[in-house]
PDB file of N, CA and C in Angstrom:
ATOM      1  N   MET A   1       6.916  -4.426   5.487  1.00  0.00           N
ATOM      2  CA  MET A   1       7.902  -3.465   5.910  1.00  0.00           C
ATOM      3  C   MET A   1       8.471  -3.828   7.272  1.00  0.00           C
ATOM      4  N   GLY A   2       7.849  -4.728   7.965  1.00  0.00           N
ATOM      5  CA  GLY A   2       8.324  -5.088   9.289  1.00  0.00           C
ATOM      6  C   GLY A   2       7.975  -4.054  10.344  1.00  0.00           C
ATOM      7  N   MET A   3       7.079  -3.152  10.021  1.00  0.00           N
ATOM      8  CA  MET A   3       6.689  -2.112  10.954  1.00  0.00           C
ATOM      9  C   MET A   3       5.695  -2.680  11.958  1.00  0.00           C
ATOM     10  N   PRO A   4       5.941  -2.473  13.255  1.00  0.00           N
ATOM     11  CA  PRO A   4       4.994  -3.013  14.241  1.00  0.00           C
ATOM     12  C   PRO A   4       3.662  -2.273  14.197  1.00  0.00           C
ATOM     13  N   VAL A   5       2.598  -3.047  14.327  1.00  0.00           N
ATOM     14  CA  VAL A   5       1.249  -2.495  14.357  1.00  0.00           C
ATOM     15  C   VAL A   5       0.542  -3.115  15.549  1.00  0.00           C
ATOM     16  N   ARG A   6      -0.116  -2.272  16.314  1.00  0.00           N
ATOM     17  CA  ARG A   6      -0.855  -2.762  17.465  1.00  0.00           C
ATOM     18  C   ARG A   6      -2.267  -2.217  17.397  1.00  0.00           C
ATOM     19  N   ALA A   7      -3.218  -3.046  17.779  1.00  0.00           N
ATOM     20  CA  ALA A   7      -4.614  -2.624  17.794  1.00  0.00           C
ATOM     21  C   ALA A   7      -5.162  -2.790  19.199  1.00  0.00           C
ATOM     22  N   VAL A   8      -5.926  -1.824  19.617  1.00  0.00           N
ATOM     23  CA  VAL A   8      -6.603  -1.887  20.907  1.00  0.00           C
ATOM     24  C   VAL A   8      -8.096  -1.856  20.617  1.00  0.00           C
ATOM     25  N   VAL A   9      -8.809  -2.879  21.084  1.00  0.00           N
ATOM     26  CA  VAL A   9     -10.241  -2.972  20.844  1.00  0.00           C
ATOM     27  C   VAL A   9     -10.957  -2.678  22.152  1.00  0.00           C
ATOM     28  N   ARG A  10     -11.840  -1.729  22.105  1.00  0.00           N
ATOM     29  CA  ARG A  10     -12.641  -1.381  23.285  1.00  0.00           C
ATOM     30  C   ARG A  10     -14.101  -1.591  22.912  1.00  0.00           C
ATOM     31  N   ASP A  11     -14.594  -2.736  23.308  1.00  0.00           N
ATOM     32  CA  ASP A  11     -15.959  -3.092  22.953  1.00  0.00           C
ATOM     33  C   ASP A  11     -16.607  -3.721  24.175  1.00  0.00           C
ATOM     34  N   ALA A  12     -17.190  -2.890  25.000  1.00  0.00           N
ATOM     35  CA  ALA A  12     -17.769  -3.376  26.253  1.00  0.00           C
ATOM     36  C   ALA A  12     -18.934  -4.321  26.021  1.00  0.00           C
ATOM     37  N   GLY A  13     -19.579  -4.245  24.867  1.00  0.00           N
ATOM     38  CA  GLY A  13     -20.754  -5.070  24.616  1.00  0.00           C
ATOM     39  C   GLY A  13     -20.447  -6.428  24.016  1.00  0.00           C
ATOM     40  N   ALA A  14     -19.194  -6.711  23.716  1.00  0.00           N
ATOM     41  CA  ALA A  14     -18.861  -7.976  23.053  1.00  0.00           C
ATOM     42  C   ALA A  14     -18.583  -9.062  24.086  1.00  0.00           C
ATOM     43  N   PRO A  15     -19.409 -10.111  24.102  1.00  0.00           N
ATOM     44  CA  PRO A  15     -19.147 -11.209  25.029  1.00  0.00           C
ATOM     45  C   PRO A  15     -17.935 -12.008  24.550  1.00  0.00           C
ATOM     46  N   GLY A  16     -16.855 -11.941  25.301  1.00  0.00           N
ATOM     47  CA  GLY A  16     -15.649 -12.686  24.944  1.00  0.00           C
ATOM     48  C   GLY A  16     -14.879 -12.078  23.781  1.00  0.00           C
ATOM     49  N   ALA A  17     -15.358 -11.000  23.240  1.00  0.00           N
ATOM     50  CA  ALA A  17     -14.704 -10.273  22.145  1.00  0.00           C
ATOM     51  C   ALA A  17     -14.434 -11.141  20.921  1.00  0.00           C
ATOM     52  N   THR A  18     -15.255 -12.168  20.698  1.00  0.00           N
ATOM     53  CA  THR A  18     -15.062 -13.047  19.535  1.00  0.00           C
ATOM     54  C   THR A  18     -15.209 -12.287  18.229  1.00  0.00           C
ATOM     55  N   ALA A  19     -16.214 -11.455  18.128  1.00  0.00           N
ATOM     56  CA  ALA A  19     -16.422 -10.684  16.901  1.00  0.00           C
ATOM     57  C   ALA A  19     -15.257  -9.733  16.662  1.00  0.00           C
ATOM     58  N   SER A  20     -14.751  -9.133  17.743  1.00  0.00           N
ATOM     59  CA  SER A  20     -13.628  -8.217  17.611  1.00  0.00           C
ATOM     60  C   SER A  20     -12.384  -8.945  17.114  1.00  0.00           C
ATOM     61  N   CYS A  21     -12.168 -10.166  17.589  1.00  0.00           N
ATOM     62  CA  CYS A  21     -11.006 -10.935  17.144  1.00  0.00           C
ATOM     63  C   CYS A  21     -11.096 -11.253  15.655  1.00  0.00           C
ATOM     64  N   ALA A  22     -12.277 -11.610  15.192  1.00  0.00           N
ATOM     65  CA  ALA A  22     -12.450 -11.902  13.764  1.00  0.00           C
ATOM     66  C   ALA A  22     -12.217 -10.643  12.929  1.00  0.00           C
ATOM     67  N   ALA A  23     -12.724  -9.520  13.412  1.00  0.00           N
ATOM     68  CA  ALA A  23     -12.527  -8.259  12.693  1.00  0.00           C
ATOM     69  C   ALA A  23     -11.045  -7.897  12.652  1.00  0.00           C
ATOM     70  N   LEU A  24     -10.338  -8.105  13.753  1.00  0.00           N
ATOM     71  CA  LEU A  24      -8.901  -7.818  13.780  1.00  0.00           C
ATOM     72  C   LEU A  24      -8.139  -8.723  12.820  1.00  0.00           C
ATOM     73  N   GLN A  25      -8.531  -9.962  12.741  1.00  0.00           N
ATOM     74  CA  GLN A  25      -7.886 -10.866  11.790  1.00  0.00           C
ATOM     75  C   GLN A  25      -8.064 -10.354  10.367  1.00  0.00           C
ATOM     76  N   ASP A  26      -9.247  -9.864  10.058  1.00  0.00           N
ATOM     77  CA  ASP A  26      -9.504  -9.293   8.732  1.00  0.00           C
ATOM     78  C   ASP A  26      -8.639  -8.053   8.493  1.00  0.00           C
ATOM     79  N   VAL A  27      -8.537  -7.194   9.492  1.00  0.00           N
ATOM     80  CA  VAL A  27      -7.739  -5.963   9.361  1.00  0.00           C
ATOM     81  C   VAL A  27      -6.271  -6.312   9.126  1.00  0.00           C
ATOM     82  N   PHE A  28      -5.735  -7.230   9.917  1.00  0.00           N
ATOM     83  CA  PHE A  28      -4.323  -7.584   9.768  1.00  0.00           C
ATOM     84  C   PHE A  28      -4.067  -8.327   8.459  1.00  0.00           C
ATOM     85  N   ALA A  29      -5.016  -9.112   8.002  1.00  0.00           N
ATOM     86  CA  ALA A  29      -4.876  -9.764   6.693  1.00  0.00           C
ATOM     87  C   ALA A  29      -4.823  -8.701   5.596  1.00  0.00           C
ATOM     88  N   TRP A  30      -5.667  -7.661   5.711  1.00  0.00           N
ATOM     89  CA  TRP A  30      -5.660  -6.576   4.727  1.00  0.00           C
ATOM     90  C   TRP A  30      -4.335  -5.822   4.765  1.00  0.00           C
ATOM     91  N   LEU A  31      -3.818  -5.539   5.964  1.00  0.00           N
ATOM     92  CA  LEU A  31      -2.531  -4.843   6.075  1.00  0.00           C
ATOM     93  C   LEU A  31      -1.402  -5.665   5.455  1.00  0.00           C
ATOM     94  N   ARG A  32      -1.427  -6.981   5.656  1.00  0.00           N
ATOM     95  CA  ARG A  32      -0.408  -7.840   5.025  1.00  0.00           C
ATOM     96  C   ARG A  32      -0.535  -7.783   3.507  1.00  0.00           C
ATOM     97  N   TRP A  33      -1.771  -7.768   2.989  1.00  0.00           N
ATOM     98  CA  TRP A  33      -1.978  -7.673   1.545  1.00  0.00           C
ATOM     99  C   TRP A  33      -1.452  -6.342   1.010  1.00  0.00           C
ATOM    100  N   VAL A  34      -1.777  -5.256   1.703  1.00  0.00           N
ATOM    101  CA  VAL A  34      -1.308  -3.932   1.275  1.00  0.00           C
ATOM    102  C   VAL A  34       0.214  -3.911   1.228  1.00  0.00           C
ATOM    103  N   ASP A  35       0.857  -4.439   2.256  1.00  0.00           N
ATOM    104  CA  ASP A  35       2.318  -4.467   2.285  1.00  0.00           C
ATOM    105  C   ASP A  35       2.875  -5.309   1.136  1.00  0.00           C
ATOM    106  N   ALA A  36       2.307  -6.473   0.913  1.00  0.00           N
ATOM    107  CA  ALA A  36       2.793  -7.361  -0.154  1.00  0.00           C
ATOM    108  C   ALA A  36       2.546  -6.771  -1.543  1.00  0.00           C
ATOM    109  N   THR A  37       1.529  -5.958  -1.682  1.00  0.00           N
ATOM    110  CA  THR A  37       1.164  -5.394  -2.983  1.00  0.00           C
ATOM    111  C   THR A  37       1.894  -4.093  -3.284  1.00  0.00           C
ATOM    112  N   PHE A  38       2.051  -3.234  -2.281  1.00  0.00           N
ATOM    113  CA  PHE A  38       2.572  -1.887  -2.501  1.00  0.00           C
ATOM    114  C   PHE A  38       4.015  -1.675  -2.040  1.00  0.00           C
ATOM    115  N   SER A  39       4.632  -2.655  -1.433  1.00  0.00           N
ATOM    116  CA  SER A  39       5.977  -2.454  -0.904  1.00  0.00           C
ATOM    117  C   SER A  39       6.994  -2.152  -1.997  1.00  0.00           C
ATOM    118  N   PRO A  40       7.707  -1.029  -1.877  1.00  0.00           N
ATOM    119  CA  PRO A  40       8.787  -0.764  -2.826  1.00  0.00           C
ATOM    120  C   PRO A  40      10.050  -1.542  -2.464  1.00  0.00           C
ATOM    121  N   PHE A  41      10.034  -2.234  -1.329  1.00  0.00           N
ATOM    122  CA  PHE A  41      11.206  -2.970  -0.852  1.00  0.00           C
ATOM    123  C   PHE A  41      11.161  -4.447  -1.208  1.00  0.00           C
ATOM    124  N   ASP A  42       9.985  -4.957  -1.533  1.00  0.00           N
ATOM    125  CA  ASP A  42       9.820  -6.369  -1.872  1.00  0.00           C
ATOM    126  C   ASP A  42       9.801  -6.504  -3.394  1.00  0.00           C
ATOM    127  N   PRO A  43      10.788  -7.172  -3.986  1.00  0.00           N
ATOM    128  CA  PRO A  43      10.832  -7.281  -5.446  1.00  0.00           C
ATOM    129  C   PRO A  43       9.640  -8.029  -6.037  1.00  0.00           C
ATOM    130  N   ARG A  44       8.882  -8.756  -5.197  1.00  0.00           N
ATOM    131  CA  ARG A  44       7.707  -9.498  -5.678  1.00  0.00           C
ATOM    132  C   ARG A  44       6.440  -8.660  -5.686  1.00  0.00           C
ATOM    133  N   SER A  45       6.463  -7.484  -5.044  1.00  0.00           N
ATOM    134  CA  SER A  45       5.245  -6.662  -4.971  1.00  0.00           C
ATOM    135  C   SER A  45       4.888  -6.106  -6.341  1.00  0.00           C
ATOM    136  N   GLU A  46       3.623  -5.768  -6.515  1.00  0.00           N
ATOM    137  CA  GLU A  46       3.185  -5.204  -7.788  1.00  0.00           C
ATOM    138  C   GLU A  46       3.866  -3.864  -8.060  1.00  0.00           C
ATOM    139  N   ILE A  47       4.049  -3.051  -7.037  1.00  0.00           N
ATOM    140  CA  ILE A  47       4.712  -1.763  -7.231  1.00  0.00           C
ATOM    141  C   ILE A  47       6.144  -1.970  -7.714  1.00  0.00           C
ATOM    142  N   SER A  48       6.875  -2.883  -7.098  1.00  0.00           N
ATOM    143  CA  SER A  48       8.254  -3.145  -7.519  1.00  0.00           C
ATOM    144  C   SER A  48       8.296  -3.726  -8.924  1.00  0.00           C
ATOM    145  N   ARG A  49       7.413  -4.662  -9.205  1.00  0.00           N
ATOM    146  CA  ARG A  49       7.377  -5.263 -10.540  1.00  0.00           C
ATOM    147  C   ARG A  49       7.015  -4.229 -11.598  1.00  0.00           C
ATOM    148  N   TRP A  50       6.044  -3.356 -11.294  1.00  0.00           N
ATOM    149  CA  TRP A  50       5.684  -2.288 -12.223  1.00  0.00           C
ATOM    150  C   TRP A  50       6.863  -1.331 -12.416  1.00  0.00           C
ATOM    151  N   GLY A  51       7.562  -1.006 -11.331  1.00  0.00           N
ATOM    152  CA  GLY A  51       8.672  -0.067 -11.390  1.00  0.00           C
ATOM    153  C   GLY A  51       9.822  -0.529 -12.265  1.00  0.00           C
ATOM    154  N   ARG A  52      10.013  -1.828 -12.371  1.00  0.00           N
ATOM    155  CA  ARG A  52      11.086  -2.333 -13.233  1.00  0.00           C
ATOM    156  C   ARG A  52      10.530  -2.887 -14.550  1.00  0.00           C
ATOM    157  N   ASP A  53       9.306  -2.507 -14.883  1.00  0.00           N
ATOM    158  CA  ASP A  53       8.635  -2.890 -16.134  1.00  0.00           C
ATOM    159  C   ASP A  53       8.426  -4.394 -16.269  1.00  0.00           C
ATOM    160  N   ALA A  54       8.253  -5.077 -15.142  1.00  0.00           N
ATOM    161  CA  ALA A  54       7.959  -6.507 -15.166  1.00  0.00           C
ATOM    162  C   ALA A  54       6.459  -6.761 -15.024  1.00  0.00           C
ATOM    163  N   LEU A  55       5.679  -5.700 -14.852  1.00  0.00           N
ATOM    164  CA  LEU A  55       4.227  -5.806 -14.735  1.00  0.00           C
ATOM    165  C   LEU A  55       3.612  -4.638 -15.491  1.00  0.00           C
ATOM    166  N   ALA A  56       2.826  -4.957 -16.500  1.00  0.00           N
ATOM    167  CA  ALA A  56       2.123  -3.912 -17.239  1.00  0.00           C
ATOM    168  C   ALA A  56       1.010  -3.351 -16.358  1.00  0.00           C
ATOM    169  N   LEU A  57       0.835  -2.053 -16.401  1.00  0.00           N
ATOM    170  CA  LEU A  57      -0.176  -1.414 -15.557  1.00  0.00           C
ATOM    171  C   LEU A  57      -1.554  -2.015 -15.778  1.00  0.00           C
ATOM    172  N   ARG A  58      -1.871  -2.382 -16.993  1.00  0.00           N
ATOM    173  CA  ARG A  58      -3.198  -2.947 -17.268  1.00  0.00           C
ATOM    174  C   ARG A  58      -3.401  -4.292 -16.558  1.00  0.00           C
ATOM    175  N   HIS A  59      -2.321  -4.951 -16.150  1.00  0.00           N
ATOM    176  CA  HIS A  59      -2.420  -6.231 -15.445  1.00  0.00           C
ATOM    177  C   HIS A  59      -2.326  -6.070 -13.924  1.00  0.00           C
ATOM    178  N   ALA A  60      -2.109  -4.848 -13.471  1.00  0.00           N
ATOM    179  CA  ALA A  60      -1.990  -4.593 -12.033  1.00  0.00           C
ATOM    180  C   ALA A  60      -3.361  -4.619 -11.368  1.00  0.00           C
ATOM    181  N   HIS A  61      -3.351  -4.834 -10.079  1.00  0.00           N
ATOM    182  CA  HIS A  61      -4.584  -4.806  -9.288  1.00  0.00           C
ATOM    183  C   HIS A  61      -5.241  -3.431  -9.457  1.00  0.00           C
ATOM    184  N   PRO A  62      -6.577  -3.361  -9.480  1.00  0.00           N
ATOM    185  CA  PRO A  62      -7.261  -2.076  -9.635  1.00  0.00           C
ATOM    186  C   PRO A  62      -6.827  -1.020  -8.611  1.00  0.00           C
ATOM    187  N   LEU A  63      -6.543  -1.410  -7.376  1.00  0.00           N
ATOM    188  CA  LEU A  63      -6.102  -0.423  -6.386  1.00  0.00           C
ATOM    189  C   LEU A  63      -4.702   0.094  -6.696  1.00  0.00           C
ATOM    190  N   VAL A  64      -3.859  -0.741  -7.271  1.00  0.00           N
ATOM    191  CA  VAL A  64      -2.531  -0.285  -7.685  1.00  0.00           C
ATOM    192  C   VAL A  64      -2.687   0.751  -8.796  1.00  0.00           C
ATOM    193  N   ARG A  65      -3.542   0.453  -9.754  1.00  0.00           N
ATOM    194  CA  ARG A  65      -3.783   1.414 -10.835  1.00  0.00           C
ATOM    195  C   ARG A  65      -4.342   2.720 -10.283  1.00  0.00           C
ATOM    196  N   GLU A  66      -5.243   2.631  -9.317  1.00  0.00           N
ATOM    197  CA  GLU A  66      -5.835   3.827  -8.722  1.00  0.00           C
ATOM    198  C   GLU A  66      -4.784   4.678  -8.002  1.00  0.00           C
ATOM    199  N   VAL A  67      -3.924   4.034  -7.225  1.00  0.00           N
ATOM    200  CA  VAL A  67      -2.877   4.767  -6.503  1.00  0.00           C
ATOM    201  C   VAL A  67      -1.902   5.411  -7.483  1.00  0.00           C
ATOM    202  N   LEU A  68      -1.486   4.671  -8.501  1.00  0.00           N
ATOM    203  CA  LEU A  68      -0.547   5.228  -9.469  1.00  0.00           C
ATOM    204  C   LEU A  68      -1.175   6.363 -10.275  1.00  0.00           C
ATOM    205  N   ASP A  69      -2.463   6.250 -10.567  1.00  0.00           N
ATOM    206  CA  ASP A  69      -3.161   7.339 -11.251  1.00  0.00           C
ATOM    207  C   ASP A  69      -3.189   8.578 -10.359  1.00  0.00           C
ATOM    208  N   ARG A  70      -3.478   8.382  -9.094  1.00  0.00           N
ATOM    209  CA  ARG A  70      -3.504   9.518  -8.152  1.00  0.00           C
ATOM    210  C   ARG A  70      -2.118  10.136  -8.020  1.00  0.00           C
ATOM    211  N   CYS A  71      -1.086   9.308  -7.989  1.00  0.00           N
ATOM    212  CA  CYS A  71       0.289   9.819  -7.918  1.00  0.00           C
ATOM    213  C   CYS A  71       0.609  10.667  -9.139  1.00  0.00           C
ATOM    214  N   GLU A  72       0.177  10.221 -10.302  1.00  0.00           N
ATOM    215  CA  GLU A  72       0.429  10.989 -11.521  1.00  0.00           C
ATOM    216  C   GLU A  72      -0.325  12.311 -11.500  1.00  0.00           C
ATOM    217  N   ARG A  73      -1.559  12.301 -11.012  1.00  0.00           N
ATOM    218  CA  ARG A  73      -2.314  13.551 -10.924  1.00  0.00           C
ATOM    219  C   ARG A  73      -1.665  14.525  -9.938  1.00  0.00           C
ATOM    220  N   LEU A  74      -1.127  13.986  -8.837  1.00  0.00           N
ATOM    221  CA  LEU A  74      -0.427  14.840  -7.871  1.00  0.00           C
ATOM    222  C   LEU A  74       0.874  15.387  -8.455  1.00  0.00           C
ATOM    223  N   ARG A  75       1.585  14.574  -9.234  1.00  0.00           N
ATOM    224  CA  ARG A  75       2.808  15.043  -9.883  1.00  0.00           C
ATOM    225  C   ARG A  75       2.482  16.213 -10.807  1.00  0.00           C
ATOM    226  N   ALA A  76       1.436  16.056 -11.606  1.00  0.00           N
ATOM    227  CA  ALA A  76       1.046  17.113 -12.534  1.00  0.00           C
ATOM    228  C   ALA A  76       0.565  18.360 -11.774  1.00  0.00           C
ATOM    229  N   ALA A  77      -0.237  18.177 -10.747  1.00  0.00           N
ATOM    230  CA  ALA A  77      -0.798  19.309 -10.001  1.00  0.00           C
ATOM    231  C   ALA A  77       0.267  20.077  -9.224  1.00  0.00           C
ATOM    232  N   THR A  78       1.342  19.393  -8.818  1.00  0.00           N
ATOM    233  CA  THR A  78       2.389  20.056  -8.026  1.00  0.00           C
ATOM    234  C   THR A  78       3.580  20.470  -8.878  1.00  0.00           C
ATOM    235  N   GLY A  79       3.464  20.319 -10.182  1.00  0.00           N
ATOM    236  CA  GLY A  79       4.575  20.677 -11.055  1.00  0.00           C
ATOM    237  C   GLY A  79       5.801  19.816 -10.814  1.00  0.00           C
ATOM    238  N   GLY A  80       5.587  18.584 -10.358  1.00  0.00           N
ATOM    239  CA  GLY A  80       6.692  17.654 -10.126  1.00  0.00           C
ATOM    240  C   GLY A  80       7.224  17.636  -8.704  1.00  0.00           C
ATOM    241  N   ALA A  81       6.665  18.468  -7.806  1.00  0.00           N
ATOM    242  CA  ALA A  81       7.110  18.459  -6.413  1.00  0.00           C
ATOM    243  C   ALA A  81       6.811  17.108  -5.752  1.00  0.00           C
ATOM    244  N   PHE A  82       5.750  16.453  -6.210  1.00  0.00           N
ATOM    245  CA  PHE A  82       5.441  15.087  -5.761  1.00  0.00           C
ATOM    246  C   PHE A  82       5.650  14.194  -6.967  1.00  0.00           C
ATOM    247  N   ASP A  83       6.657  13.327  -6.880  1.00  0.00           N
ATOM    248  CA  ASP A  83       6.961  12.440  -8.004  1.00  0.00           C
ATOM    249  C   ASP A  83       7.528  11.140  -7.459  1.00  0.00           C
ATOM    250  N   ILE A  84       6.803  10.039  -7.637  1.00  0.00           N
ATOM    251  CA  ILE A  84       7.241   8.765  -7.066  1.00  0.00           C
ATOM    252  C   ILE A  84       8.477   8.211  -7.761  1.00  0.00           C
ATOM    253  N   ARG A  85       8.884   8.778  -8.885  1.00  0.00           N
ATOM    254  CA  ARG A  85      10.084   8.323  -9.583  1.00  0.00           C
ATOM    255  C   ARG A  85      11.260   9.285  -9.433  1.00  0.00           C
ATOM    256  N   TYR A  86      11.139  10.258  -8.537  1.00  0.00           N
ATOM    257  CA  TYR A  86      12.176  11.278  -8.376  1.00  0.00           C
ATOM    258  C   TYR A  86      13.476  10.693  -7.835  1.00  0.00           C
ATOM    259  N   ARG A  87      13.375   9.844  -6.836  1.00  0.00           N
ATOM    260  CA  ARG A  87      14.562   9.268  -6.200  1.00  0.00           C
ATOM    261  C   ARG A  87      14.997   8.008  -6.935  1.00  0.00           C
ATOM    262  N   PRO A  88      16.305   7.701  -6.863  1.00  0.00           N
ATOM    263  CA  PRO A  88      16.743   6.427  -7.459  1.00  0.00           C
ATOM    264  C   PRO A  88      16.127   5.250  -6.701  1.00  0.00           C
ATOM    265  N   GLY A  89      15.993   4.131  -7.366  1.00  0.00           N
ATOM    266  CA  GLY A  89      15.415   2.947  -6.751  1.00  0.00           C
ATOM    267  C   GLY A  89      13.993   2.758  -7.206  1.00  0.00           C
ATOM    268  N   PRO A  90      13.284   1.843  -6.551  1.00  0.00           N
ATOM    269  CA  PRO A  90      11.916   1.555  -6.979  1.00  0.00           C
ATOM    270  C   PRO A  90      10.990   2.734  -6.707  1.00  0.00           C
ATOM    271  N   PRO A  91       9.937   2.898  -7.509  1.00  0.00           N
ATOM    272  CA  PRO A  91       8.969   3.956  -7.236  1.00  0.00           C
ATOM    273  C   PRO A  91       8.339   3.746  -5.859  1.00  0.00           C
ATOM    274  N   ASP A  92       8.171   4.821  -5.141  1.00  0.00           N
ATOM    275  CA  ASP A  92       7.644   4.722  -3.779  1.00  0.00           C
ATOM    276  C   ASP A  92       6.512   5.715  -3.607  1.00  0.00           C
ATOM    277  N   PRO A  93       5.244   5.233  -3.664  1.00  0.00           N
ATOM    278  CA  PRO A  93       4.112   6.145  -3.554  1.00  0.00           C
ATOM    279  C   PRO A  93       3.952   6.760  -2.169  1.00  0.00           C
ATOM    280  N   SER A  94       4.782   6.351  -1.206  1.00  0.00           N
ATOM    281  CA  SER A  94       4.635   6.889   0.147  1.00  0.00           C
ATOM    282  C   SER A  94       5.589   8.050   0.418  1.00  0.00           C
ATOM    283  N   VAL A  95       6.503   8.353  -0.521  1.00  0.00           N
ATOM    284  CA  VAL A  95       7.520   9.377  -0.274  1.00  0.00           C
ATOM    285  C   VAL A  95       7.447  10.451  -1.355  1.00  0.00           C
ATOM    286  N   PRO A  96       7.157  11.698  -0.978  1.00  0.00           N
ATOM    287  CA  PRO A  96       7.174  12.765  -1.987  1.00  0.00           C
ATOM    288  C   PRO A  96       8.606  13.107  -2.386  1.00  0.00           C
ATOM    289  N   ALA A  97       8.755  13.804  -3.498  1.00  0.00           N
ATOM    290  CA  ALA A  97      10.085  14.190  -3.999  1.00  0.00           C
ATOM    291  C   ALA A  97      10.800  15.087  -3.010  1.00  0.00           C
TER     292      ALA A  97
END
């Protein structure tokens, strides 16, 4: 999404903060994966591919299936007030109707 993210590590016990740097690398790698997988703006993401029927749900990553299942349960529970397909364009699990 191009959204800036900043992390502040406060670890007085870490000599040289080497462990903290490795942990931050893992966190930022995970954030890049989440963006690449769930972005409704990237046509290569699983969410975008699923939204245009280019990816069958059964072939999606388990976390994608979990999020979409939760979105469907929220749509049903709210009587459609939360619906990732309400707006035109790709489905967006981050925006309610």
